[in-house]
Protein backbone atom coordinates (compact mmCIF):
# COMPACT_ATOMS: atom_id res chain seq x y z
CA UNK A 1 20.53 19.40 -5.34
CA UNK A 2 16.87 18.61 -4.81
CA UNK A 3 14.38 21.39 -4.50
CA UNK A 4 11.91 21.47 -1.58
CA UNK A 5 9.16 20.67 -4.11
CA UNK A 6 11.01 17.55 -5.34
CA UNK A 7 11.56 16.36 -1.76
CA UNK A 8 7.88 16.91 -0.88
CA UNK A 9 6.75 15.08 -4.04
CA UNK A 10 9.05 12.14 -3.33
CA UNK A 11 7.78 11.96 0.27
CA UNK A 12 4.16 11.97 -0.86
CA UNK A 13 4.85 9.34 -3.51
CA UNK A 14 6.63 7.09 -1.00
CA UNK A 15 3.69 7.44 1.40
CA UNK A 16 1.19 6.65 -1.33
CA UNK A 17 3.09 3.53 -2.31
CA UNK A 18 3.01 2.34 1.31
CA UNK A 19 -0.79 2.54 1.50
CA UNK A 20 -2.58 -0.78 1.25
CA UNK A 21 -4.45 -1.35 -1.96
CA UNK A 22 -8.20 -1.50 -1.63
CA UNK A 23 -9.53 -5.03 -1.40
CA UNK A 24 -12.18 -6.18 -3.80
CA UNK A 25 -15.48 -6.43 -1.95
CA UNK A 26 -16.43 -10.01 -1.24
CA UNK A 27 -19.56 -11.02 -3.05
CA UNK A 28 -22.46 -11.36 -0.63
CA UNK A 29 -23.41 -14.90 0.20
CA UNK A 30 -26.63 -15.65 -1.64
CA UNK A 31 -29.58 -16.76 0.44
CA UNK A 32 -30.22 -20.45 0.09
CA UNK A 33 -32.90 -21.19 -2.45
CA UNK A 34 -36.03 -22.48 -0.81
CA UNK A 35 -36.62 -26.21 -0.85
CA UNK A 36 -40.27 -25.53 -0.09
CA UNK A 37 -42.55 -22.52 -0.43
CA UNK A 38 -45.50 -22.16 1.93
CA UNK A 39 -48.07 -19.55 0.98
CA UNK A 40 -50.10 -17.74 3.58
CA UNK A 41 -53.37 -17.04 1.85
CA UNK A 42 -56.93 -16.48 3.04
CA UNK A 43 -55.69 -16.86 6.62
CA UNK A 44 -54.33 -20.36 5.95
CA UNK A 45 -50.91 -21.94 5.50
CA UNK A 46 -50.73 -23.73 2.15
CA UNK A 47 -49.75 -26.50 2.29
CA UNK A 48 -50.97 -27.02 5.85
CA UNK A 49 -48.72 -30.07 6.27
CA UNK A 50 -45.34 -30.55 4.63
CA UNK A 51 -42.38 -32.93 4.90
CA UNK A 52 -38.79 -31.87 4.19
CA UNK A 53 -35.29 -33.08 4.96
CA UNK A 54 -33.14 -31.44 7.62
CA UNK A 55 -31.24 -28.47 6.23
CA UNK A 56 -34.09 -27.43 3.95
CA UNK A 57 -34.91 -23.74 3.70
CA UNK A 58 -38.60 -22.95 3.69
CA UNK A 59 -39.86 -19.65 2.33
CA UNK A 60 -43.15 -18.38 3.71
CA UNK A 61 -44.92 -15.93 1.41
CA UNK A 62 -47.69 -13.83 2.88
CA UNK A 63 -50.21 -13.39 0.08
CA UNK A 64 -52.71 -11.70 2.43
CA UNK A 65 -53.01 -8.00 3.11
CA UNK A 66 -52.83 -8.57 6.89
CA UNK A 67 -49.63 -9.33 8.78
CA UNK A 68 -49.04 -12.90 9.98
CA UNK A 69 -46.34 -14.82 11.83
CA UNK A 70 -44.83 -18.26 11.61
CA UNK A 71 -44.41 -19.31 15.22
CA UNK A 72 -43.56 -22.80 16.41
CA UNK A 73 -45.90 -23.75 19.24
CA UNK A 74 -42.90 -24.22 21.55
CA UNK A 75 -41.82 -20.64 20.56
CA UNK A 76 -38.33 -21.83 19.54
CA UNK A 77 -38.79 -20.19 16.12
CA UNK A 78 -40.78 -17.03 15.52
CA UNK A 79 -40.74 -15.00 12.34
CA UNK A 80 -42.10 -11.87 13.93
CA UNK A 81 -44.63 -10.00 11.83
CA UNK A 82 -44.55 -10.80 8.13
CA UNK A 83 -46.28 -7.89 6.46
CA UNK A 84 -48.78 -8.45 3.69
CA UNK A 85 -47.08 -9.49 0.44
CA UNK A 86 -43.73 -9.98 2.19
CA UNK A 87 -41.67 -13.13 2.74
CA UNK A 88 -39.71 -14.84 5.50
CA UNK A 89 -37.36 -17.82 5.24
CA UNK A 90 -35.98 -20.26 7.76
CA UNK A 91 -33.69 -23.27 7.46
CA UNK A 92 -34.85 -26.16 9.59
CA UNK A 93 -31.87 -28.20 10.81
CA UNK A 94 -33.40 -30.34 13.56
CA UNK A 95 -35.48 -33.40 12.82
CA UNK A 96 -38.94 -33.90 14.24
CA UNK A 97 -42.53 -32.81 13.82
CA UNK A 98 -43.08 -29.11 14.36
CA UNK A 99 -46.50 -27.54 14.83
CA UNK A 100 -46.74 -23.87 14.05
CA UNK A 101 -49.34 -21.13 14.18
CA UNK A 102 -49.79 -17.50 13.33
CA UNK A 103 -49.40 -15.79 16.71
CA UNK A 104 -51.76 -13.01 15.55
CA UNK A 105 -54.39 -15.49 14.34
CA UNK A 106 -53.81 -18.68 16.40
CA UNK A 107 -56.52 -20.60 14.53
CA UNK A 108 -54.09 -20.62 11.57
CA UNK A 109 -52.11 -23.86 11.99
CA UNK A 110 -49.52 -25.83 10.09
CA UNK A 111 -47.36 -28.92 10.61
CA UNK A 112 -43.83 -29.42 9.37
CA UNK A 113 -42.15 -32.83 9.45
CA UNK A 114 -38.36 -32.63 9.21
CA UNK A 115 -36.66 -35.92 8.32
CA UNK A 116 -32.95 -36.79 8.52
CA UNK A 117 -30.93 -35.94 5.41
């Protein structure tokens, strides 16, 4: 004859065996490595003009102490404020010539030419 303790232990064990096993966490997808780095320094984009292939990720590094943006003149892409010594990346998938500015300092201008792959 089983004791109440043995029945309770068997019930708990059966319940524990029915629990799903924890899944291994999926490794986060790494950010694409930049195909081009544009520095924002002395209130200028460097290089001011660049050519890349579609699908290229561009990293913008703000080397200034002031915040800047990377804003296409048609406003289809806008980084928002990039604080001093911070970065922002964007993958350009459409081909064409894209003019961009810093929305905070609109005299800061750059041109990006995106060619087919």
